[in-house]
Amino acid sequence: MTPSSRLDTFRAMVAKNPDHALARFGLANEAVKENLLDEAREHYEAYLSMHDDEGNGYQRLADVLGRLGDVAGQRAALHRGIDAARRFGHPSMASELQARLEELGES
């Protein structure tokens, strides 16, 4: 399956069921592969609004926001990811996200 056909498959899944969190996550990931960053942002945000993510989704959203030049949004996503990772007992992910914040000049 080509990347664009995977993208179309996930788009169809989301169109059929917009509240399917994992379809939103999959669509966001495929959009990133195609460098469709605004679409990826939209679907990561939708996914995170309906799913209690453990940190990875916030990290992916932060990556997209950084590529879009939204540093404030990137920082906010990293903070939310740190909170989620700690809440789910993932200290290594929380540390990784904290290191990313420090790279952005925040301690």
PDB file of N, CA and C in Angstrom:
ATOM      1  N   MET A   1       0.852  -1.176   0.000  1.00  0.00           N
ATOM      2  CA  MET A   1       0.000   0.000   0.000  1.00  0.00           C
ATOM      3  C   MET A   1       0.896   1.237   0.000  1.00  0.00           C
ATOM      4  N   THR A   2       0.626   2.162  -0.867  1.00  0.00           N
ATOM      5  CA  THR A   2       1.422   3.386  -0.956  1.00  0.00           C
ATOM      6  C   THR A   2       1.040   4.346   0.167  1.00  0.00           C
ATOM      7  N   PRO A   3       1.947   5.275   0.507  1.00  0.00           N
ATOM      8  CA  PRO A   3       1.611   6.228   1.570  1.00  0.00           C
ATOM      9  C   PRO A   3       0.324   7.007   1.297  1.00  0.00           C
ATOM     10  N   SER A   4       0.119   7.435   0.058  1.00  0.00           N
ATOM     11  CA  SER A   4      -1.093   8.209  -0.235  1.00  0.00           C
ATOM     12  C   SER A   4      -2.345   7.353  -0.118  1.00  0.00           C
ATOM     13  N   SER A   5      -2.252   6.052  -0.446  1.00  0.00           N
ATOM     14  CA  SER A   5      -3.436   5.206  -0.287  1.00  0.00           C
ATOM     15  C   SER A   5      -3.712   4.938   1.191  1.00  0.00           C
ATOM     16  N   ARG A   6      -2.661   4.853   2.030  1.00  0.00           N
ATOM     17  CA  ARG A   6      -2.878   4.727   3.475  1.00  0.00           C
ATOM     18  C   ARG A   6      -3.536   5.993   4.006  1.00  0.00           C
ATOM     19  N   LEU A   7      -3.084   7.140   3.514  1.00  0.00           N
ATOM     20  CA  LEU A   7      -3.666   8.415   3.911  1.00  0.00           C
ATOM     21  C   LEU A   7      -5.151   8.435   3.544  1.00  0.00           C
ATOM     22  N   ASP A   8      -5.472   8.029   2.331  1.00  0.00           N
ATOM     23  CA  ASP A   8      -6.877   7.996   1.895  1.00  0.00           C
ATOM     24  C   ASP A   8      -7.699   7.018   2.723  1.00  0.00           C
ATOM     25  N   THR A   9      -7.105   5.883   3.077  1.00  0.00           N
ATOM     26  CA  THR A   9      -7.810   4.899   3.902  1.00  0.00           C
ATOM     27  C   THR A   9      -8.153   5.492   5.261  1.00  0.00           C
ATOM     28  N   PHE A  10      -7.186   6.151   5.900  1.00  0.00           N
ATOM     29  CA  PHE A  10      -7.453   6.761   7.202  1.00  0.00           C
ATOM     30  C   PHE A  10      -8.437   7.919   7.086  1.00  0.00           C
ATOM     31  N   ARG A  11      -8.349   8.688   6.010  1.00  0.00           N
ATOM     32  CA  ARG A  11      -9.323   9.771   5.805  1.00  0.00           C
ATOM     33  C   ARG A  11     -10.737   9.199   5.724  1.00  0.00           C
ATOM     34  N   ALA A  12     -10.896   8.098   5.016  1.00  0.00           N
ATOM     35  CA  ALA A  12     -12.216   7.468   4.892  1.00  0.00           C
ATOM     36  C   ALA A  12     -12.696   6.962   6.247  1.00  0.00           C
ATOM     37  N   MET A  13     -11.789   6.391   7.037  1.00  0.00           N
ATOM     38  CA  MET A  13     -12.162   5.901   8.368  1.00  0.00           C
ATOM     39  C   MET A  13     -12.643   7.051   9.247  1.00  0.00           C
ATOM     40  N   VAL A  14     -11.931   8.170   9.215  1.00  0.00           N
ATOM     41  CA  VAL A  14     -12.303   9.326  10.031  1.00  0.00           C
ATOM     42  C   VAL A  14     -13.606   9.940   9.522  1.00  0.00           C
ATOM     43  N   ALA A  15     -13.783   9.984   8.215  1.00  0.00           N
ATOM     44  CA  ALA A  15     -15.030  10.517   7.663  1.00  0.00           C
ATOM     45  C   ALA A  15     -16.227   9.683   8.112  1.00  0.00           C
ATOM     46  N   LYS A  16     -16.026   8.374   8.159  1.00  0.00           N
ATOM     47  CA  LYS A  16     -17.099   7.460   8.566  1.00  0.00           C
ATOM     48  C   LYS A  16     -17.375   7.568  10.060  1.00  0.00           C
ATOM     49  N   ASN A  17     -16.310   7.739  10.857  1.00  0.00           N
ATOM     50  CA  ASN A  17     -16.461   7.799  12.317  1.00  0.00           C
ATOM     51  C   ASN A  17     -15.483   8.831  12.882  1.00  0.00           C
ATOM     52  N   PRO A  18     -15.863  10.098  12.910  1.00  0.00           N
ATOM     53  CA  PRO A  18     -14.959  11.158  13.376  1.00  0.00           C
ATOM     54  C   PRO A  18     -14.515  11.017  14.832  1.00  0.00           C
ATOM     55  N   ASP A  19     -15.244  10.230  15.613  1.00  0.00           N
ATOM     56  CA  ASP A  19     -14.903  10.049  17.033  1.00  0.00           C
ATOM     57  C   ASP A  19     -14.005   8.840  17.286  1.00  0.00           C
ATOM     58  N   HIS A  20     -13.489   8.237  16.236  1.00  0.00           N
ATOM     59  CA  HIS A  20     -12.590   7.082  16.382  1.00  0.00           C
ATOM     60  C   HIS A  20     -11.177   7.614  16.626  1.00  0.00           C
ATOM     61  N   ALA A  21     -10.776   7.621  17.884  1.00  0.00           N
ATOM     62  CA  ALA A  21      -9.510   8.243  18.283  1.00  0.00           C
ATOM     63  C   ALA A  21      -8.315   7.637  17.556  1.00  0.00           C
ATOM     64  N   LEU A  22      -8.241   6.323  17.481  1.00  0.00           N
ATOM     65  CA  LEU A  22      -7.065   5.703  16.871  1.00  0.00           C
ATOM     66  C   LEU A  22      -7.008   5.942  15.360  1.00  0.00           C
ATOM     67  N   ALA A  23      -8.156   6.087  14.717  1.00  0.00           N
ATOM     68  CA  ALA A  23      -8.152   6.447  13.293  1.00  0.00           C
ATOM     69  C   ALA A  23      -7.594   7.859  13.131  1.00  0.00           C
ATOM     70  N   ARG A  24      -7.955   8.751  14.046  1.00  0.00           N
ATOM     71  CA  ARG A  24      -7.413  10.113  14.014  1.00  0.00           C
ATOM     72  C   ARG A  24      -5.891  10.083  14.174  1.00  0.00           C
ATOM     73  N   PHE A  25      -5.414   9.275  15.107  1.00  0.00           N
ATOM     74  CA  PHE A  25      -3.979   9.153  15.350  1.00  0.00           C
ATOM     75  C   PHE A  25      -3.282   8.609  14.112  1.00  0.00           C
ATOM     76  N   GLY A  26      -3.844   7.569  13.516  1.00  0.00           N
ATOM     77  CA  GLY A  26      -3.269   6.994  12.306  1.00  0.00           C
ATOM     78  C   GLY A  26      -3.254   7.989  11.155  1.00  0.00           C
ATOM     79  N   LEU A  27      -4.344   8.748  11.001  1.00  0.00           N
ATOM     80  CA  LEU A  27      -4.415   9.753   9.952  1.00  0.00           C
ATOM     81  C   LEU A  27      -3.360  10.837  10.180  1.00  0.00           C
ATOM     82  N   ALA A  28      -3.195  11.259  11.408  1.00  0.00           N
ATOM     83  CA  ALA A  28      -2.167  12.262  11.717  1.00  0.00           C
ATOM     84  C   ALA A  28      -0.790  11.748  11.348  1.00  0.00           C
ATOM     85  N   ASN A  29      -0.490  10.507  11.713  1.00  0.00           N
ATOM     86  CA  ASN A  29       0.820   9.930  11.398  1.00  0.00           C
ATOM     87  C   ASN A  29       1.060   9.853   9.893  1.00  0.00           C
ATOM     88  N   GLU A  30       0.043   9.459   9.146  1.00  0.00           N
ATOM     89  CA  GLU A  30       0.181   9.386   7.692  1.00  0.00           C
ATOM     90  C   GLU A  30       0.321  10.778   7.084  1.00  0.00           C
ATOM     91  N   ALA A  31      -0.381  11.762   7.634  1.00  0.00           N
ATOM     92  CA  ALA A  31      -0.267  13.134   7.139  1.00  0.00           C
ATOM     93  C   ALA A  31       1.152  13.659   7.344  1.00  0.00           C
ATOM     94  N   VAL A  32       1.773  13.323   8.467  1.00  0.00           N
ATOM     95  CA  VAL A  32       3.166  13.736   8.707  1.00  0.00           C
ATOM     96  C   VAL A  32       4.068  13.151   7.630  1.00  0.00           C
ATOM     97  N   LYS A  33       3.877  11.891   7.304  1.00  0.00           N
ATOM     98  CA  LYS A  33       4.702  11.240   6.276  1.00  0.00           C
ATOM     99  C   LYS A  33       4.598  11.952   4.932  1.00  0.00           C
ATOM    100  N   GLU A  34       3.439  12.545   4.673  1.00  0.00           N
ATOM    101  CA  GLU A  34       3.216  13.257   3.412  1.00  0.00           C
ATOM    102  C   GLU A  34       3.519  14.752   3.548  1.00  0.00           C
ATOM    103  N   ASN A  35       4.039  15.143   4.709  1.00  0.00           N
ATOM    104  CA  ASN A  35       4.375  16.544   5.012  1.00  0.00           C
ATOM    105  C   ASN A  35       3.146  17.459   4.977  1.00  0.00           C
ATOM    106  N   LEU A  36       2.006  16.915   5.341  1.00  0.00           N
ATOM    107  CA  LEU A  36       0.758  17.675   5.447  1.00  0.00           C
ATOM    108  C   LEU A  36       0.589  18.070   6.913  1.00  0.00           C
ATOM    109  N   LEU A  37       1.400  19.029   7.328  1.00  0.00           N
ATOM    110  CA  LEU A  37       1.546  19.327   8.749  1.00  0.00           C
ATOM    111  C   LEU A  37       0.305  19.947   9.374  1.00  0.00           C
ATOM    112  N   ASP A  38      -0.393  20.809   8.663  1.00  0.00           N
ATOM    113  CA  ASP A  38      -1.621  21.381   9.224  1.00  0.00           C
ATOM    114  C   ASP A  38      -2.671  20.298   9.443  1.00  0.00           C
ATOM    115  N   GLU A  39      -2.775  19.391   8.499  1.00  0.00           N
ATOM    116  CA  GLU A  39      -3.720  18.279   8.659  1.00  0.00           C
ATOM    117  C   GLU A  39      -3.298  17.385   9.816  1.00  0.00           C
ATOM    118  N   ALA A  40      -2.016  17.120   9.921  1.00  0.00           N
ATOM    119  CA  ALA A  40      -1.514  16.299  11.027  1.00  0.00           C
ATOM    120  C   ALA A  40      -1.842  16.963  12.364  1.00  0.00           C
ATOM    121  N   ARG A  41      -1.573  18.255  12.466  1.00  0.00           N
ATOM    122  CA  ARG A  41      -1.871  18.983  13.710  1.00  0.00           C
ATOM    123  C   ARG A  41      -3.341  18.843  14.072  1.00  0.00           C
ATOM    124  N   GLU A  42      -4.197  19.061  13.099  1.00  0.00           N
ATOM    125  CA  GLU A  42      -5.644  18.969  13.338  1.00  0.00           C
ATOM    126  C   GLU A  42      -6.028  17.606  13.919  1.00  0.00           C
ATOM    127  N   HIS A  43      -5.480  16.548  13.354  1.00  0.00           N
ATOM    128  CA  HIS A  43      -5.881  15.208  13.779  1.00  0.00           C
ATOM    129  C   HIS A  43      -5.197  14.786  15.076  1.00  0.00           C
ATOM    130  N   TYR A  44      -3.965  15.222  15.324  1.00  0.00           N
ATOM    131  CA  TYR A  44      -3.368  14.955  16.635  1.00  0.00           C
ATOM    132  C   TYR A  44      -4.170  15.658  17.722  1.00  0.00           C
ATOM    133  N   GLU A  45      -4.558  16.904  17.472  1.00  0.00           N
ATOM    134  CA  GLU A  45      -5.342  17.637  18.472  1.00  0.00           C
ATOM    135  C   GLU A  45      -6.692  16.964  18.718  1.00  0.00           C
ATOM    136  N   ALA A  46      -7.350  16.502  17.658  1.00  0.00           N
ATOM    137  CA  ALA A  46      -8.622  15.794  17.819  1.00  0.00           C
ATOM    138  C   ALA A  46      -8.413  14.504  18.606  1.00  0.00           C
ATOM    139  N   TYR A  47      -7.380  13.747  18.254  1.00  0.00           N
ATOM    140  CA  TYR A  47      -7.053  12.511  18.972  1.00  0.00           C
ATOM    141  C   TYR A  47      -6.845  12.781  20.460  1.00  0.00           C
ATOM    142  N   LEU A  48      -6.052  13.800  20.764  1.00  0.00           N
ATOM    143  CA  LEU A  48      -5.735  14.096  22.160  1.00  0.00           C
ATOM    144  C   LEU A  48      -6.943  14.619  22.931  1.00  0.00           C
ATOM    145  N   SER A  49      -7.901  15.204  22.238  1.00  0.00           N
ATOM    146  CA  SER A  49      -9.098  15.691  22.918  1.00  0.00           C
ATOM    147  C   SER A  49     -10.043  14.559  23.302  1.00  0.00           C
ATOM    148  N   MET A  50      -9.860  13.388  22.687  1.00  0.00           N
ATOM    149  CA  MET A  50     -10.783  12.283  22.962  1.00  0.00           C
ATOM    150  C   MET A  50     -10.109  11.040  23.545  1.00  0.00           C
ATOM    151  N   HIS A  51      -8.794  11.077  23.704  1.00  0.00           N
ATOM    152  CA  HIS A  51      -8.077   9.891  24.193  1.00  0.00           C
ATOM    153  C   HIS A  51      -7.088  10.307  25.273  1.00  0.00           C
ATOM    154  N   ASP A  52      -7.043   9.570  26.345  1.00  0.00           N
ATOM    155  CA  ASP A  52      -6.116   9.857  27.442  1.00  0.00           C
ATOM    156  C   ASP A  52      -4.751   9.277  27.091  1.00  0.00           C
ATOM    157  N   ASP A  53      -4.019  10.020  26.291  1.00  0.00           N
ATOM    158  CA  ASP A  53      -2.723   9.595  25.770  1.00  0.00           C
ATOM    159  C   ASP A  53      -1.684   9.529  26.884  1.00  0.00           C
ATOM    160  N   GLU A  54      -0.710   8.657  26.713  1.00  0.00           N
ATOM    161  CA  GLU A  54       0.322   8.454  27.726  1.00  0.00           C
ATOM    162  C   GLU A  54       1.561   9.313  27.515  1.00  0.00           C
ATOM    163  N   GLY A  55       1.563  10.143  26.493  1.00  0.00           N
ATOM    164  CA  GLY A  55       2.684  11.045  26.247  1.00  0.00           C
ATOM    165  C   GLY A  55       3.152  11.064  24.808  1.00  0.00           C
ATOM    166  N   ASN A  56       3.085   9.938  24.131  1.00  0.00           N
ATOM    167  CA  ASN A  56       3.592   9.837  22.767  1.00  0.00           C
ATOM    168  C   ASN A  56       2.850  10.756  21.799  1.00  0.00           C
ATOM    169  N   GLY A  57       1.546  10.834  21.922  1.00  0.00           N
ATOM    170  CA  GLY A  57       0.765  11.701  21.040  1.00  0.00           C
ATOM    171  C   GLY A  57       1.134  13.161  21.215  1.00  0.00           C
ATOM    172  N   TYR A  58       1.382  13.552  22.454  1.00  0.00           N
ATOM    173  CA  TYR A  58       1.800  14.933  22.717  1.00  0.00           C
ATOM    174  C   TYR A  58       3.181  15.207  22.115  1.00  0.00           C
ATOM    175  N   GLN A  59       4.046  14.220  22.187  1.00  0.00           N
ATOM    176  CA  GLN A  59       5.372  14.358  21.590  1.00  0.00           C
ATOM    177  C   GLN A  59       5.258  14.547  20.083  1.00  0.00           C
ATOM    178  N   ARG A  60       4.410  13.757  19.456  1.00  0.00           N
ATOM    179  CA  ARG A  60       4.213  13.867  18.007  1.00  0.00           C
ATOM    180  C   ARG A  60       3.597  15.218  17.639  1.00  0.00           C
ATOM    181  N   LEU A  61       2.620  15.672  18.440  1.00  0.00           N
ATOM    182  CA  LEU A  61       2.028  16.988  18.201  1.00  0.00           C
ATOM    183  C   LEU A  61       3.090  18.074  18.355  1.00  0.00           C
ATOM    184  N   ALA A  62       3.924  17.955  19.375  1.00  0.00           N
ATOM    185  CA  ALA A  62       4.996  18.939  19.586  1.00  0.00           C
ATOM    186  C   ALA A  62       5.931  18.974  18.383  1.00  0.00           C
ATOM    187  N   ASP A  63       6.257  17.820  17.819  1.00  0.00           N
ATOM    188  CA  ASP A  63       7.120  17.775  16.633  1.00  0.00           C
ATOM    189  C   ASP A  63       6.491  18.561  15.477  1.00  0.00           C
ATOM    190  N   VAL A  64       5.206  18.321  15.244  1.00  0.00           N
ATOM    191  CA  VAL A  64       4.512  18.997  14.146  1.00  0.00           C
ATOM    192  C   VAL A  64       4.454  20.500  14.404  1.00  0.00           C
ATOM    193  N   LEU A  65       4.106  20.878  15.626  1.00  0.00           N
ATOM    194  CA  LEU A  65       4.018  22.305  15.945  1.00  0.00           C
ATOM    195  C   LEU A  65       5.375  22.984  15.778  1.00  0.00           C
ATOM    196  N   GLY A  66       6.437  22.297  16.166  1.00  0.00           N
ATOM    197  CA  GLY A  66       7.776  22.849  15.966  1.00  0.00           C
ATOM    198  C   GLY A  66       8.081  23.043  14.496  1.00  0.00           C
ATOM    199  N   ARG A  67       7.712  22.075  13.677  1.00  0.00           N
ATOM    200  CA  ARG A  67       7.944  22.195  12.235  1.00  0.00           C
ATOM    201  C   ARG A  67       7.101  23.299  11.616  1.00  0.00           C
ATOM    202  N   LEU A  68       5.961  23.596  12.239  1.00  0.00           N
ATOM    203  CA  LEU A  68       5.105  24.680  11.764  1.00  0.00           C
ATOM    204  C   LEU A  68       5.543  26.044  12.305  1.00  0.00           C
ATOM    205  N   GLY A  69       6.537  26.046  13.196  1.00  0.00           N
ATOM    206  CA  GLY A  69       7.044  27.290  13.756  1.00  0.00           C
ATOM    207  C   GLY A  69       6.276  27.794  14.962  1.00  0.00           C
ATOM    208  N   ASP A  70       5.408  26.969  15.527  1.00  0.00           N
ATOM    209  CA  ASP A  70       4.617  27.353  16.696  1.00  0.00           C
ATOM    210  C   ASP A  70       5.330  26.868  17.963  1.00  0.00           C
ATOM    211  N   VAL A  71       6.332  27.638  18.390  1.00  0.00           N
ATOM    212  CA  VAL A  71       7.152  27.229  19.535  1.00  0.00           C
ATOM    213  C   VAL A  71       6.338  27.225  20.823  1.00  0.00           C
ATOM    214  N   ALA A  72       5.449  28.203  20.999  1.00  0.00           N
ATOM    215  CA  ALA A  72       4.610  28.243  22.205  1.00  0.00           C
ATOM    216  C   ALA A  72       3.714  27.008  22.260  1.00  0.00           C
ATOM    217  N   GLY A  73       3.115  26.647  21.138  1.00  0.00           N
ATOM    218  CA  GLY A  73       2.292  25.443  21.079  1.00  0.00           C
ATOM    219  C   GLY A  73       3.109  24.188  21.314  1.00  0.00           C
ATOM    220  N   GLN A  74       4.323  24.174  20.778  1.00  0.00           N
ATOM    221  CA  GLN A  74       5.225  23.045  20.969  1.00  0.00           C
ATOM    222  C   GLN A  74       5.535  22.868  22.455  1.00  0.00           C
ATOM    223  N   ARG A  75       5.840  23.964  23.124  1.00  0.00           N
ATOM    224  CA  ARG A  75       6.122  23.895  24.567  1.00  0.00           C
ATOM    225  C   ARG A  75       4.908  23.396  25.344  1.00  0.00           C
ATOM    226  N   ALA A  76       3.736  23.922  25.000  1.00  0.00           N
ATOM    227  CA  ALA A  76       2.509  23.502  25.693  1.00  0.00           C
ATOM    228  C   ALA A  76       2.264  22.002  25.508  1.00  0.00           C
ATOM    229  N   ALA A  77       2.460  21.510  24.291  1.00  0.00           N
ATOM    230  CA  ALA A  77       2.270  20.078  24.035  1.00  0.00           C
ATOM    231  C   ALA A  77       3.272  19.247  24.832  1.00  0.00           C
ATOM    232  N   LEU A  78       4.506  19.715  24.922  1.00  0.00           N
ATOM    233  CA  LEU A  78       5.510  18.982  25.699  1.00  0.00           C
ATOM    234  C   LEU A  78       5.135  18.963  27.180  1.00  0.00           C
ATOM    235  N   HIS A  79       4.653  20.087  27.716  1.00  0.00           N
ATOM    236  CA  HIS A  79       4.216  20.116  29.119  1.00  0.00           C
ATOM    237  C   HIS A  79       3.072  19.132  29.359  1.00  0.00           C
ATOM    238  N   ARG A  80       2.108  19.119  28.450  1.00  0.00           N
ATOM    239  CA  ARG A  80       0.981  18.190  28.591  1.00  0.00           C
ATOM    240  C   ARG A  80       1.460  16.745  28.486  1.00  0.00           C
ATOM    241  N   GLY A  81       2.431  16.510  27.615  1.00  0.00           N
ATOM    242  CA  GLY A  81       2.988  15.165  27.476  1.00  0.00           C
ATOM    243  C   GLY A  81       3.725  14.717  28.726  1.00  0.00           C
ATOM    244  N   ILE A  82       4.459  15.632  29.342  1.00  0.00           N
ATOM    245  CA  ILE A  82       5.158  15.309  30.595  1.00  0.00           C
ATOM    246  C   ILE A  82       4.142  14.932  31.667  1.00  0.00           C
ATOM    247  N   ASP A  83       3.089  15.724  31.787  1.00  0.00           N
ATOM    248  CA  ASP A  83       2.042  15.422  32.774  1.00  0.00           C
ATOM    249  C   ASP A  83       1.426  14.052  32.514  1.00  0.00           C
ATOM    250  N   ALA A  84       1.129  13.770  31.256  1.00  0.00           N
ATOM    251  CA  ALA A  84       0.514  12.489  30.907  1.00  0.00           C
ATOM    252  C   ALA A  84       1.470  11.333  31.189  1.00  0.00           C
ATOM    253  N   ALA A  85       2.727  11.486  30.800  1.00  0.00           N
ATOM    254  CA  ALA A  85       3.704  10.416  31.019  1.00  0.00           C
ATOM    255  C   ALA A  85       3.854  10.122  32.508  1.00  0.00           C
ATOM    256  N   ARG A  86       3.900  11.161  33.311  1.00  0.00           N
ATOM    257  CA  ARG A  86       4.000  10.957  34.775  1.00  0.00           C
ATOM    258  C   ARG A  86       2.743  10.285  35.314  1.00  0.00           C
ATOM    259  N   ARG A  87       1.588  10.730  34.836  1.00  0.00           N
ATOM    260  CA  ARG A  87       0.315  10.165  35.301  1.00  0.00           C
ATOM    261  C   ARG A  87       0.234   8.665  34.995  1.00  0.00           C
ATOM    262  N   PHE A  88       0.811   8.253  33.863  1.00  0.00           N
ATOM    263  CA  PHE A  88       0.769   6.848  33.467  1.00  0.00           C
ATOM    264  C   PHE A  88       1.989   6.059  33.922  1.00  0.00           C
ATOM    265  N   GLY A  89       2.871   6.685  34.706  1.00  0.00           N
ATOM    266  CA  GLY A  89       4.032   5.970  35.235  1.00  0.00           C
ATOM    267  C   GLY A  89       5.109   5.704  34.205  1.00  0.00           C
ATOM    268  N   HIS A  90       5.360   6.671  33.314  1.00  0.00           N
ATOM    269  CA  HIS A  90       6.399   6.551  32.291  1.00  0.00           C
ATOM    270  C   HIS A  90       7.473   7.614  32.517  1.00  0.00           C
ATOM    271  N   PRO A  91       8.313   7.413  33.550  1.00  0.00           N
ATOM    272  CA  PRO A  91       9.306   8.446  33.874  1.00  0.00           C
ATOM    273  C   PRO A  91      10.330   8.677  32.768  1.00  0.00           C
ATOM    274  N   SER A  92      10.680   7.657  32.006  1.00  0.00           N
ATOM    275  CA  SER A  92      11.671   7.865  30.947  1.00  0.00           C
ATOM    276  C   SER A  92      11.095   8.743  29.835  1.00  0.00           C
ATOM    277  N   MET A  93       9.829   8.569  29.514  1.00  0.00           N
ATOM    278  CA  MET A  93       9.215   9.432  28.512  1.00  0.00           C
ATOM    279  C   MET A  93       9.112  10.859  29.050  1.00  0.00           C
ATOM    280  N   ALA A  94       8.740  11.005  30.314  1.00  0.00           N
ATOM    281  CA  ALA A  94       8.670  12.343  30.920  1.00  0.00           C
ATOM    282  C   ALA A  94      10.039  13.017  30.855  1.00  0.00           C
ATOM    283  N   SER A  95      11.092  12.269  31.123  1.00  0.00           N
ATOM    284  CA  SER A  95      12.450  12.826  31.056  1.00  0.00           C
ATOM    285  C   SER A  95      12.830  13.224  29.640  1.00  0.00           C
ATOM    286  N   GLU A  96      12.450  12.406  28.684  1.00  0.00           N
ATOM    287  CA  GLU A  96      12.739  12.712  27.279  1.00  0.00           C
ATOM    288  C   GLU A  96      12.029  14.001  26.845  1.00  0.00           C
ATOM    289  N   LEU A  97      10.778  14.138  27.237  1.00  0.00           N
ATOM    290  CA  LEU A  97      10.024  15.339  26.889  1.00  0.00           C
ATOM    291  C   LEU A  97      10.588  16.561  27.612  1.00  0.00           C
ATOM    292  N   GLN A  98      11.022  16.377  28.853  1.00  0.00           N
ATOM    293  CA  GLN A  98      11.651  17.470  29.597  1.00  0.00           C
ATOM    294  C   GLN A  98      12.937  17.918  28.895  1.00  0.00           C
ATOM    295  N   ALA A  99      13.704  16.973  28.415  1.00  0.00           N
ATOM    296  CA  ALA A  99      14.938  17.308  27.688  1.00  0.00           C
ATOM    297  C   ALA A  99      14.609  18.118  26.431  1.00  0.00           C
ATOM    298  N   ARG A 100      13.523  17.775  25.770  1.00  0.00           N
ATOM    299  CA  ARG A 100      13.112  18.544  24.592  1.00  0.00           C
ATOM    300  C   ARG A 100      12.746  19.978  24.977  1.00  0.00           C
ATOM    301  N   LEU A 101      12.098  20.137  26.121  1.00  0.00           N
ATOM    302  CA  LEU A 101      11.787  21.495  26.602  1.00  0.00           C
ATOM    303  C   LEU A 101      13.064  22.277  26.862  1.00  0.00           C
ATOM    304  N   GLU A 102      14.037  21.613  27.454  1.00  0.00           N
ATOM    305  CA  GLU A 102      15.303  22.277  27.753  1.00  0.00           C
ATOM    306  C   GLU A 102      16.002  22.691  26.468  1.00  0.00           C
ATOM    307  N   GLU A 103      15.882  21.886  25.406  1.00  0.00           N
ATOM    308  CA  GLU A 103      16.452  22.260  24.117  1.00  0.00           C
ATOM    309  C   GLU A 103      15.802  23.536  23.573  1.00  0.00           C
ATOM    310  N   LEU A 104      14.572  23.777  23.979  1.00  0.00           N
ATOM    311  CA  LEU A 104      13.859  24.984  23.557  1.00  0.00           C
ATOM    312  C   LEU A 104      14.130  26.168  24.494  1.00  0.00           C
ATOM    313  N   GLY A 105      15.041  25.948  25.450  1.00  0.00           N
ATOM    314  CA  GLY A 105      15.424  27.032  26.350  1.00  0.00           C
ATOM    315  C   GLY A 105      14.587  27.124  27.598  1.00  0.00           C
ATOM    316  N   GLU A 106      13.846  26.083  27.909  1.00  0.00           N
ATOM    317  CA  GLU A 106      13.001  26.087  29.113  1.00  0.00           C
ATOM    318  C   GLU A 106      13.512  25.009  30.055  1.00  0.00           C
ATOM    319  N   SER A 107      13.660  25.383  31.306  1.00  0.00           N
ATOM    320  CA  SER A 107      14.146  24.385  32.277  1.00  0.00           C
ATOM    321  C   SER A 107      13.053  23.854  33.150  1.00  0.00           C
TER     322      SER A 107
END
